[in-house]
């Protein structure tokens, strides 16, 4: 009788293990399903400045100065496929800064998280950034202050050209 109870207990444990594996596999498949289209419209702005200073669009009174190089970007971009070569075009007051590829940090989840370009502000005042991908865009406005006394201004690096709106063109740089 004890042998029958022990064998029945093993069967129940194996049954629970198999059931757990099936539930886990179902959850993974559901999470990994990619979204239907690519969009930057719901992305959040993020800027990396000197000394790993991170500025988010909800940072109150961010300090951004003329002549300092920044990594200007957006995060939370959705993508149709982690292998699709998507890019985001970045503009400052309507002028192309450059285009940056969407970096996929979690391909197993179908999430293309961030895209960045290098940016060196050249003028004091209001700057409205636009990140655009096809007909989808998101904007953010910041105020740029004067450079610190005695600072040496950075030079804007060359970057891939912005895409023509809605074309998916790779721009003149051939990326």
N, C-alpha and C. Protein backbone atom coordinates (compact mmCIF):
# COMPACT_ATOMS: atom_id res chain seq x y z
N UNK A 1 0.82 -1.19 0.00
CA UNK A 1 0.00 0.00 0.00
C UNK A 1 0.87 1.26 0.00
N UNK A 2 1.94 1.27 0.80
CA UNK A 2 2.82 2.43 0.82
C UNK A 2 3.44 2.67 -0.55
N UNK A 3 3.79 1.59 -1.25
CA UNK A 3 4.38 1.71 -2.58
C UNK A 3 3.40 2.38 -3.54
N UNK A 4 2.13 2.03 -3.46
CA UNK A 4 1.11 2.63 -4.33
C UNK A 4 0.98 4.12 -4.02
N UNK A 5 0.95 4.48 -2.74
CA UNK A 5 0.84 5.90 -2.36
C UNK A 5 2.06 6.69 -2.85
N UNK A 6 3.24 6.12 -2.68
CA UNK A 6 4.45 6.82 -3.13
C UNK A 6 4.43 7.02 -4.64
N UNK A 7 4.04 6.00 -5.39
CA UNK A 7 4.00 6.12 -6.85
C UNK A 7 2.93 7.12 -7.28
N UNK A 8 1.79 7.13 -6.58
CA UNK A 8 0.74 8.09 -6.91
C UNK A 8 1.22 9.51 -6.64
N UNK A 9 1.98 9.70 -5.56
CA UNK A 9 2.53 11.03 -5.23
C UNK A 9 3.49 11.51 -6.30
N UNK A 10 4.32 10.60 -6.79
CA UNK A 10 5.27 10.96 -7.86
C UNK A 10 4.49 11.37 -9.10
N UNK A 11 3.44 10.63 -9.43
CA UNK A 11 2.62 10.96 -10.60
C UNK A 11 2.01 12.35 -10.48
N UNK A 12 1.52 12.69 -9.29
CA UNK A 12 0.95 14.04 -9.09
C UNK A 12 2.02 15.12 -9.26
N UNK A 13 3.21 14.86 -8.70
CA UNK A 13 4.28 15.87 -8.83
C UNK A 13 4.69 16.04 -10.29
N UNK A 14 4.80 14.94 -11.01
CA UNK A 14 5.14 15.03 -12.43
C UNK A 14 4.04 15.76 -13.18
N UNK A 15 2.78 15.44 -12.85
CA UNK A 15 1.65 16.12 -13.49
C UNK A 15 1.69 17.62 -13.26
N UNK A 16 1.96 18.04 -12.01
CA UNK A 16 2.06 19.47 -11.71
C UNK A 16 3.23 20.09 -12.47
N UNK A 17 4.35 19.39 -12.55
CA UNK A 17 5.51 19.92 -13.28
C UNK A 17 5.20 20.14 -14.74
N UNK A 18 4.53 19.19 -15.37
CA UNK A 18 4.16 19.32 -16.79
C UNK A 18 3.18 20.46 -16.96
N UNK A 19 2.17 20.56 -16.08
CA UNK A 19 1.20 21.65 -16.16
C UNK A 19 1.90 22.99 -16.03
N UNK A 20 2.83 23.11 -15.08
CA UNK A 20 3.58 24.36 -14.90
C UNK A 20 4.38 24.71 -16.13
N UNK A 21 5.02 23.72 -16.76
CA UNK A 21 5.80 23.97 -17.97
C UNK A 21 4.92 24.46 -19.11
N UNK A 22 3.73 23.89 -19.25
CA UNK A 22 2.80 24.31 -20.31
C UNK A 22 2.35 25.74 -20.07
N UNK A 23 2.01 26.08 -18.83
CA UNK A 23 1.59 27.44 -18.51
C UNK A 23 2.72 28.42 -18.77
N UNK A 24 3.94 28.09 -18.36
CA UNK A 24 5.09 28.97 -18.58
C UNK A 24 5.34 29.17 -20.07
N UNK A 25 5.30 28.10 -20.84
CA UNK A 25 5.53 28.21 -22.28
C UNK A 25 4.47 29.09 -22.93
N UNK A 26 3.22 28.98 -22.50
CA UNK A 26 2.16 29.82 -23.05
C UNK A 26 2.42 31.28 -22.75
N UNK A 27 2.86 31.57 -21.54
CA UNK A 27 3.13 32.96 -21.16
C UNK A 27 4.26 33.53 -22.00
N UNK A 28 5.30 32.78 -22.25
CA UNK A 28 6.42 33.25 -23.05
C UNK A 28 5.97 33.55 -24.47
N UNK A 29 5.17 32.70 -25.07
CA UNK A 29 4.69 32.91 -26.42
C UNK A 29 3.86 34.19 -26.48
N UNK A 30 3.01 34.41 -25.49
CA UNK A 30 2.18 35.61 -25.47
C UNK A 30 3.04 36.87 -25.35
N UNK A 31 4.03 36.86 -24.49
CA UNK A 31 4.89 38.03 -24.29
C UNK A 31 5.73 38.30 -25.53
N UNK A 32 6.19 37.27 -26.21
CA UNK A 32 7.10 37.44 -27.33
C UNK A 32 6.42 37.87 -28.61
N UNK A 33 5.10 37.88 -28.64
CA UNK A 33 4.40 38.27 -29.87
C UNK A 33 4.73 39.72 -30.22
N UNK A 34 5.21 40.01 -31.45
CA UNK A 34 5.57 41.38 -31.81
C UNK A 34 4.33 42.23 -32.05
N UNK A 35 4.50 43.54 -31.96
CA UNK A 35 3.41 44.45 -32.23
C UNK A 35 3.20 44.55 -33.74
N UNK A 36 2.05 45.08 -34.13
CA UNK A 36 1.68 45.09 -35.54
C UNK A 36 2.40 46.15 -36.36
N UNK A 37 2.82 47.25 -35.75
CA UNK A 37 3.47 48.30 -36.53
C UNK A 37 4.55 48.97 -35.70
N UNK A 38 5.33 49.79 -36.38
CA UNK A 38 6.42 50.48 -35.71
C UNK A 38 5.99 51.91 -35.42
N UNK A 39 6.27 52.39 -34.20
CA UNK A 39 5.82 53.73 -33.85
C UNK A 39 6.75 54.40 -32.85
N UNK A 40 6.99 55.68 -33.07
CA UNK A 40 7.75 56.50 -32.15
C UNK A 40 6.82 57.43 -31.38
N UNK A 41 5.53 57.44 -31.72
CA UNK A 41 4.57 58.40 -31.16
C UNK A 41 4.47 58.35 -29.64
N UNK A 42 4.63 57.20 -29.02
CA UNK A 42 4.50 57.08 -27.57
C UNK A 42 5.85 57.02 -26.87
N UNK A 43 6.91 57.29 -27.58
CA UNK A 43 8.26 57.22 -26.99
C UNK A 43 8.49 58.38 -26.02
N UNK A 44 9.46 58.20 -25.14
CA UNK A 44 9.84 59.19 -24.15
C UNK A 44 11.23 59.73 -24.50
N UNK A 45 11.41 61.04 -24.38
CA UNK A 45 12.70 61.66 -24.67
C UNK A 45 13.69 61.38 -23.56
N UNK A 46 14.94 61.23 -23.96
CA UNK A 46 16.03 60.99 -23.01
C UNK A 46 17.30 61.62 -23.58
N UNK A 47 18.10 62.23 -22.70
CA UNK A 47 19.34 62.88 -23.12
C UNK A 47 20.44 62.44 -22.17
N UNK A 48 21.58 62.05 -22.74
CA UNK A 48 22.74 61.76 -21.91
C UNK A 48 23.75 62.87 -22.14
N UNK A 49 24.15 63.50 -21.06
CA UNK A 49 25.09 64.60 -21.14
C UNK A 49 26.45 64.21 -20.59
N UNK A 50 27.27 65.21 -20.32
CA UNK A 50 28.61 64.94 -19.79
C UNK A 50 28.53 64.21 -18.45
N UNK A 51 29.54 63.40 -18.18
CA UNK A 51 29.64 62.66 -16.92
C UNK A 51 28.43 61.78 -16.65
N UNK A 52 27.89 61.18 -17.70
CA UNK A 52 26.73 60.29 -17.59
C UNK A 52 25.53 60.96 -16.93
N UNK A 53 25.36 62.23 -17.17
CA UNK A 53 24.21 62.97 -16.66
C UNK A 53 23.01 62.62 -17.55
N UNK A 54 21.98 61.98 -16.97
CA UNK A 54 20.79 61.60 -17.72
C UNK A 54 19.68 62.61 -17.48
N UNK A 55 19.07 63.08 -18.56
CA UNK A 55 17.96 64.03 -18.49
C UNK A 55 16.77 63.36 -19.20
N UNK A 56 15.66 63.28 -18.50
CA UNK A 56 14.44 62.73 -19.09
C UNK A 56 13.46 63.87 -19.34
N UNK A 57 12.48 63.63 -20.20
CA UNK A 57 11.57 64.71 -20.56
C UNK A 57 10.78 65.24 -19.36
N UNK A 58 10.69 64.47 -18.28
CA UNK A 58 9.98 64.97 -17.10
C UNK A 58 10.93 65.54 -16.05
N UNK A 59 12.23 65.67 -16.38
CA UNK A 59 13.20 66.28 -15.47
C UNK A 59 12.90 67.77 -15.37
N UNK A 60 12.65 68.28 -14.15
CA UNK A 60 12.36 69.72 -14.05
C UNK A 60 13.63 70.55 -14.29
N UNK A 61 13.50 71.59 -15.09
CA UNK A 61 14.59 72.53 -15.38
C UNK A 61 15.91 71.86 -15.77
N UNK A 62 15.90 71.07 -16.83
CA UNK A 62 17.16 70.41 -17.21
C UNK A 62 18.21 71.44 -17.63
N UNK A 63 19.47 71.16 -17.30
CA UNK A 63 20.57 72.06 -17.67
C UNK A 63 21.18 71.53 -18.96
N UNK A 64 20.94 72.25 -20.05
CA UNK A 64 21.50 71.91 -21.36
C UNK A 64 22.21 73.17 -21.85
N UNK A 65 23.50 73.03 -22.19
CA UNK A 65 24.30 74.20 -22.53
C UNK A 65 24.83 74.17 -23.96
N UNK A 66 24.97 75.36 -24.53
CA UNK A 66 25.56 75.53 -25.85
C UNK A 66 26.96 74.93 -25.85
N UNK A 67 27.33 74.27 -26.95
CA UNK A 67 28.69 73.78 -27.13
C UNK A 67 29.02 72.48 -26.44
N UNK A 68 28.04 71.86 -25.77
CA UNK A 68 28.26 70.58 -25.10
C UNK A 68 27.64 69.48 -25.95
N UNK A 69 28.35 68.36 -26.07
CA UNK A 69 27.80 67.25 -26.87
C UNK A 69 26.88 66.40 -26.00
N UNK A 70 25.73 66.06 -26.57
CA UNK A 70 24.73 65.25 -25.88
C UNK A 70 24.33 64.08 -26.78
N UNK A 71 23.91 63.00 -26.15
CA UNK A 71 23.26 61.90 -26.88
C UNK A 71 21.77 62.15 -26.71
N UNK A 72 21.13 62.57 -27.77
CA UNK A 72 19.71 62.91 -27.76
C UNK A 72 18.94 61.73 -28.31
N UNK A 73 17.92 61.28 -27.58
CA UNK A 73 17.21 60.11 -28.07
C UNK A 73 15.81 59.94 -27.53
N UNK A 74 15.21 58.86 -27.97
CA UNK A 74 13.89 58.47 -27.49
C UNK A 74 13.96 57.00 -27.10
N UNK A 75 13.15 56.63 -26.10
CA UNK A 75 13.07 55.23 -25.68
C UNK A 75 11.61 54.83 -25.57
N UNK A 76 11.37 53.53 -25.65
CA UNK A 76 10.00 53.03 -25.60
C UNK A 76 9.36 52.96 -26.97
N UNK A 77 10.18 52.84 -28.00
CA UNK A 77 9.70 52.73 -29.37
C UNK A 77 9.20 51.31 -29.57
N UNK A 78 8.06 51.16 -30.22
CA UNK A 78 7.59 49.82 -30.56
C UNK A 78 8.05 49.50 -31.96
N UNK A 79 8.26 48.22 -32.25
CA UNK A 79 8.77 47.82 -33.55
C UNK A 79 8.07 46.57 -34.05
N UNK A 80 7.86 46.49 -35.34
CA UNK A 80 7.20 45.34 -35.93
C UNK A 80 8.06 44.08 -35.83
N UNK A 81 9.35 44.24 -35.88
CA UNK A 81 10.25 43.09 -35.83
C UNK A 81 11.59 43.53 -35.29
N UNK A 82 12.17 42.75 -34.38
CA UNK A 82 13.47 43.15 -33.85
C UNK A 82 14.58 43.13 -34.89
N UNK A 83 14.36 42.51 -36.04
CA UNK A 83 15.40 42.46 -37.07
C UNK A 83 15.17 43.49 -38.17
N UNK A 84 14.06 44.23 -38.14
CA UNK A 84 13.80 45.25 -39.14
C UNK A 84 14.75 46.43 -38.92
N UNK A 85 15.46 46.89 -39.97
CA UNK A 85 16.40 48.00 -39.79
C UNK A 85 15.68 49.35 -39.69
N UNK A 86 15.04 49.60 -38.57
CA UNK A 86 14.31 50.86 -38.38
C UNK A 86 15.25 51.96 -37.92
N UNK A 87 14.90 53.19 -38.30
CA UNK A 87 15.66 54.37 -37.90
C UNK A 87 14.70 55.46 -37.47
N UNK A 88 15.20 56.36 -36.66
CA UNK A 88 14.44 57.53 -36.24
C UNK A 88 15.21 58.76 -36.71
N UNK A 89 14.51 59.71 -37.33
CA UNK A 89 15.12 60.98 -37.74
C UNK A 89 14.87 62.01 -36.65
N UNK A 90 15.91 62.75 -36.30
CA UNK A 90 15.84 63.74 -35.22
C UNK A 90 16.00 65.14 -35.79
N UNK A 91 15.16 66.07 -35.33
CA UNK A 91 15.17 67.45 -35.79
C UNK A 91 15.23 68.40 -34.60
N UNK A 92 15.94 69.52 -34.77
CA UNK A 92 16.00 70.60 -33.79
C UNK A 92 15.42 71.84 -34.47
N UNK A 93 14.29 72.32 -33.99
CA UNK A 93 13.59 73.46 -34.59
C UNK A 93 13.43 73.28 -36.11
N UNK A 94 13.10 72.05 -36.51
CA UNK A 94 12.83 71.75 -37.91
C UNK A 94 14.05 71.42 -38.75
N UNK A 95 15.25 71.57 -38.21
CA UNK A 95 16.48 71.28 -38.94
C UNK A 95 16.97 69.88 -38.58
N UNK A 96 17.35 69.11 -39.58
CA UNK A 96 17.81 67.74 -39.35
C UNK A 96 19.09 67.72 -38.50
N UNK A 97 19.05 66.94 -37.42
CA UNK A 97 20.26 66.68 -36.63
C UNK A 97 20.93 65.44 -37.20
N UNK A 98 20.13 64.43 -37.52
CA UNK A 98 20.63 63.16 -38.06
C UNK A 98 19.63 62.06 -37.79
N UNK A 99 19.94 60.87 -38.27
CA UNK A 99 19.08 59.72 -38.06
C UNK A 99 19.84 58.66 -37.29
N UNK A 100 19.16 58.01 -36.38
CA UNK A 100 19.79 56.98 -35.57
C UNK A 100 19.01 55.68 -35.63
N UNK A 101 19.71 54.55 -35.63
CA UNK A 101 19.03 53.26 -35.66
C UNK A 101 18.34 52.95 -34.34
N UNK A 102 17.29 52.18 -34.40
CA UNK A 102 16.62 51.72 -33.19
C UNK A 102 17.41 50.53 -32.68
N UNK A 103 17.87 50.63 -31.43
CA UNK A 103 18.62 49.55 -30.81
C UNK A 103 17.68 48.66 -30.04
N UNK A 104 17.69 47.38 -30.38
CA UNK A 104 16.82 46.41 -29.74
C UNK A 104 17.54 45.81 -28.55
N UNK A 105 17.04 46.09 -27.36
CA UNK A 105 17.66 45.59 -26.15
C UNK A 105 17.06 44.27 -25.67
N UNK A 106 15.84 43.98 -26.06
CA UNK A 106 15.16 42.75 -25.63
C UNK A 106 14.51 42.07 -26.84
N UNK A 107 15.31 41.50 -27.76
CA UNK A 107 14.72 40.92 -28.96
C UNK A 107 13.75 39.78 -28.64
N UNK A 108 13.94 39.10 -27.51
CA UNK A 108 13.03 38.03 -27.15
C UNK A 108 11.64 38.55 -26.82
N UNK A 109 11.52 39.83 -26.51
CA UNK A 109 10.22 40.43 -26.21
C UNK A 109 9.68 41.26 -27.37
N UNK A 110 10.45 41.40 -28.45
CA UNK A 110 10.00 42.19 -29.59
C UNK A 110 10.03 43.69 -29.32
N UNK A 111 10.88 44.13 -28.40
CA UNK A 111 10.92 45.54 -28.02
C UNK A 111 12.16 46.21 -28.61
N UNK A 112 11.96 47.25 -29.39
CA UNK A 112 13.05 48.09 -29.86
C UNK A 112 13.03 49.31 -28.95
N UNK A 113 13.97 49.40 -28.04
CA UNK A 113 13.85 50.34 -26.94
C UNK A 113 14.29 51.77 -27.24
N UNK A 114 15.43 51.96 -27.89
CA UNK A 114 15.98 53.31 -27.98
C UNK A 114 16.60 53.61 -29.34
N UNK A 115 16.64 54.90 -29.65
CA UNK A 115 17.38 55.42 -30.80
C UNK A 115 18.00 56.74 -30.37
N UNK A 116 19.26 56.97 -30.75
CA UNK A 116 19.99 58.18 -30.36
C UNK A 116 20.73 58.78 -31.53
N UNK A 117 21.01 60.09 -31.42
CA UNK A 117 21.95 60.79 -32.28
C UNK A 117 22.79 61.69 -31.38
N UNK A 118 23.93 62.11 -31.88
CA UNK A 118 24.74 63.09 -31.15
C UNK A 118 24.25 64.47 -31.51
N UNK A 119 24.23 65.36 -30.53
CA UNK A 119 23.72 66.71 -30.75
C UNK A 119 24.55 67.71 -29.95
N UNK A 120 24.96 68.79 -30.62
CA UNK A 120 25.68 69.88 -29.97
C UNK A 120 24.86 71.15 -30.22
N UNK A 121 24.21 71.68 -29.17
CA UNK A 121 23.44 72.92 -29.38
C UNK A 121 24.38 74.09 -29.69
N UNK A 122 23.98 74.91 -30.66
CA UNK A 122 24.82 76.04 -31.08
C UNK A 122 24.21 77.38 -30.72
N UNK A 123 22.98 77.39 -30.18
CA UNK A 123 22.34 78.66 -29.85
C UNK A 123 21.56 78.55 -28.53
N UNK A 124 21.54 79.68 -27.83
CA UNK A 124 20.79 79.80 -26.58
C UNK A 124 19.32 79.97 -26.94
N UNK A 125 18.45 79.46 -26.08
CA UNK A 125 17.01 79.68 -26.27
C UNK A 125 16.22 78.39 -26.36
N UNK A 126 15.02 78.51 -26.90
CA UNK A 126 14.09 77.39 -26.99
C UNK A 126 14.43 76.49 -28.17
N UNK A 127 14.49 75.21 -27.91
CA UNK A 127 14.73 74.21 -28.95
C UNK A 127 13.61 73.18 -28.87
N UNK A 128 12.92 72.99 -29.98
CA UNK A 128 11.88 71.97 -30.04
C UNK A 128 12.42 70.82 -30.87
N UNK A 129 12.55 69.68 -30.22
CA UNK A 129 13.03 68.47 -30.88
C UNK A 129 11.86 67.68 -31.42
N UNK A 130 12.06 67.06 -32.56
CA UNK A 130 11.08 66.13 -33.11
C UNK A 130 11.81 64.87 -33.50
N UNK A 131 11.27 63.74 -33.05
CA UNK A 131 11.77 62.43 -33.47
C UNK A 131 10.70 61.90 -34.41
N UNK A 132 11.11 61.51 -35.60
CA UNK A 132 10.14 61.10 -36.61
C UNK A 132 10.52 59.78 -37.24
N UNK A 133 9.51 58.94 -37.43
CA UNK A 133 9.66 57.66 -38.12
C UNK A 133 8.45 57.53 -39.03
N UNK A 134 8.68 57.71 -40.33
CA UNK A 134 7.54 57.72 -41.26
C UNK A 134 6.60 58.86 -40.91
N UNK A 135 5.32 58.56 -40.71
CA UNK A 135 4.35 59.60 -40.36
C UNK A 135 4.15 59.72 -38.85
N UNK A 136 4.86 58.94 -38.06
CA UNK A 136 4.76 58.94 -36.60
C UNK A 136 5.84 59.85 -36.01
N UNK A 137 5.46 60.72 -35.06
CA UNK A 137 6.46 61.60 -34.46
C UNK A 137 6.11 61.94 -33.01
N UNK A 138 7.11 62.42 -32.30
CA UNK A 138 6.95 62.90 -30.93
C UNK A 138 7.88 64.09 -30.76
N UNK A 139 7.43 65.13 -30.02
CA UNK A 139 8.23 66.34 -29.85
C UNK A 139 8.47 66.65 -28.38
N UNK A 140 9.50 67.46 -28.13
CA UNK A 140 9.87 67.89 -26.78
C UNK A 140 10.55 69.24 -26.90
N UNK A 141 10.23 70.17 -26.02
CA UNK A 141 10.83 71.49 -26.04
C UNK A 141 11.67 71.70 -24.79
N UNK A 142 12.89 72.20 -24.98
CA UNK A 142 13.80 72.51 -23.87
C UNK A 142 14.37 73.91 -24.08
N UNK A 143 14.97 74.43 -23.02
CA UNK A 143 15.66 75.72 -23.10
C UNK A 143 17.15 75.47 -22.94
N UNK A 144 17.91 75.97 -23.89
CA UNK A 144 19.37 75.81 -23.86
C UNK A 144 19.98 77.09 -23.30
N UNK A 145 20.90 76.92 -22.37
CA UNK A 145 21.57 78.07 -21.74
C UNK A 145 22.97 78.27 -22.32
N UNK A 146 23.57 79.39 -21.99
CA UNK A 146 24.91 79.71 -22.49
C UNK A 146 25.94 78.73 -21.95
N UNK A 147 27.01 78.58 -22.68
CA UNK A 147 28.12 77.71 -22.25
C UNK A 147 28.79 78.30 -21.02
N UNK A 148 29.40 77.43 -20.24
CA UNK A 148 30.15 77.89 -19.07
C UNK A 148 31.35 78.71 -19.54
N UNK A 149 31.70 79.75 -18.78
CA UNK A 149 32.85 80.58 -19.13
C UNK A 149 34.11 79.72 -19.25
N UNK A 150 34.87 79.95 -20.31
CA UNK A 150 36.13 79.25 -20.51
C UNK A 150 36.00 77.85 -21.07
N UNK A 151 34.79 77.42 -21.37
CA UNK A 151 34.62 76.06 -21.92
C UNK A 151 34.95 76.05 -23.41
N UNK A 152 35.41 74.91 -23.88
CA UNK A 152 35.72 74.73 -25.30
C UNK A 152 34.53 74.02 -25.95
N UNK A 153 33.91 74.66 -26.95
CA UNK A 153 32.72 74.04 -27.56
C UNK A 153 33.06 72.77 -28.33
N UNK A 154 32.18 71.78 -28.22
CA UNK A 154 32.32 70.54 -28.98
C UNK A 154 31.88 70.79 -30.42
N UNK A 155 32.29 69.91 -31.31
CA UNK A 155 31.93 70.01 -32.72
C UNK A 155 30.86 68.97 -33.02
N UNK A 156 29.83 69.38 -33.75
CA UNK A 156 28.76 68.45 -34.13
C UNK A 156 29.34 67.37 -35.05
N UNK A 157 29.25 66.10 -34.65
CA UNK A 157 29.77 65.02 -35.52
C UNK A 157 28.86 64.77 -36.72
N UNK A 158 29.45 64.27 -37.79
CA UNK A 158 28.66 63.89 -38.97
C UNK A 158 27.82 62.66 -38.63
N UNK A 159 26.59 62.63 -39.14
CA UNK A 159 25.67 61.53 -38.87
C UNK A 159 24.87 61.23 -40.13
N UNK A 160 24.20 60.08 -40.17
CA UNK A 160 23.35 59.79 -41.32
C UNK A 160 22.27 60.87 -41.48
N UNK A 161 21.93 61.19 -42.71
CA UNK A 161 20.91 62.21 -42.99
C UNK A 161 19.54 61.73 -42.53
N UNK A 162 18.65 62.67 -42.28
CA UNK A 162 17.28 62.35 -41.89
C UNK A 162 16.55 61.72 -43.07
N UNK A 163 15.60 60.84 -42.76
CA UNK A 163 14.79 60.21 -43.80
C UNK A 163 13.76 61.20 -44.33
N UNK A 164 13.41 61.04 -45.61
CA UNK A 164 12.30 61.80 -46.16
C UNK A 164 11.03 61.27 -45.50
N UNK A 165 10.11 62.12 -45.15
CA UNK A 165 8.91 61.74 -44.42
C UNK A 165 8.14 60.64 -45.15
N UNK A 166 7.92 59.54 -44.45
CA UNK A 166 7.10 58.46 -44.96
C UNK A 166 7.72 57.56 -46.01
N UNK A 167 9.00 57.77 -46.36
CA UNK A 167 9.57 56.97 -47.43
C UNK A 167 10.36 55.78 -46.94
N UNK A 168 10.86 55.87 -45.70
CA UNK A 168 11.72 54.80 -45.21
C UNK A 168 13.10 54.86 -45.86
N UNK A 169 13.40 55.96 -46.56
CA UNK A 169 14.68 56.14 -47.23
C UNK A 169 15.81 56.05 -46.21
N UNK A 170 16.96 55.58 -46.65
CA UNK A 170 18.10 55.50 -45.75
C UNK A 170 18.94 56.76 -45.76
N UNK A 171 18.53 57.77 -46.49
CA UNK A 171 19.28 59.02 -46.49
C UNK A 171 20.50 58.95 -47.37
N UNK A 172 21.20 60.07 -47.46
CA UNK A 172 22.33 60.17 -48.36
C UNK A 172 23.59 59.46 -47.86
N UNK A 173 23.65 59.13 -46.57
CA UNK A 173 24.85 58.50 -46.04
C UNK A 173 24.90 57.00 -46.33
N UNK A 174 23.79 56.46 -46.84
CA UNK A 174 23.78 55.05 -47.24
C UNK A 174 23.66 54.05 -46.10
N UNK A 175 23.19 54.47 -44.95
CA UNK A 175 23.03 53.54 -43.83
C UNK A 175 21.68 52.87 -43.90
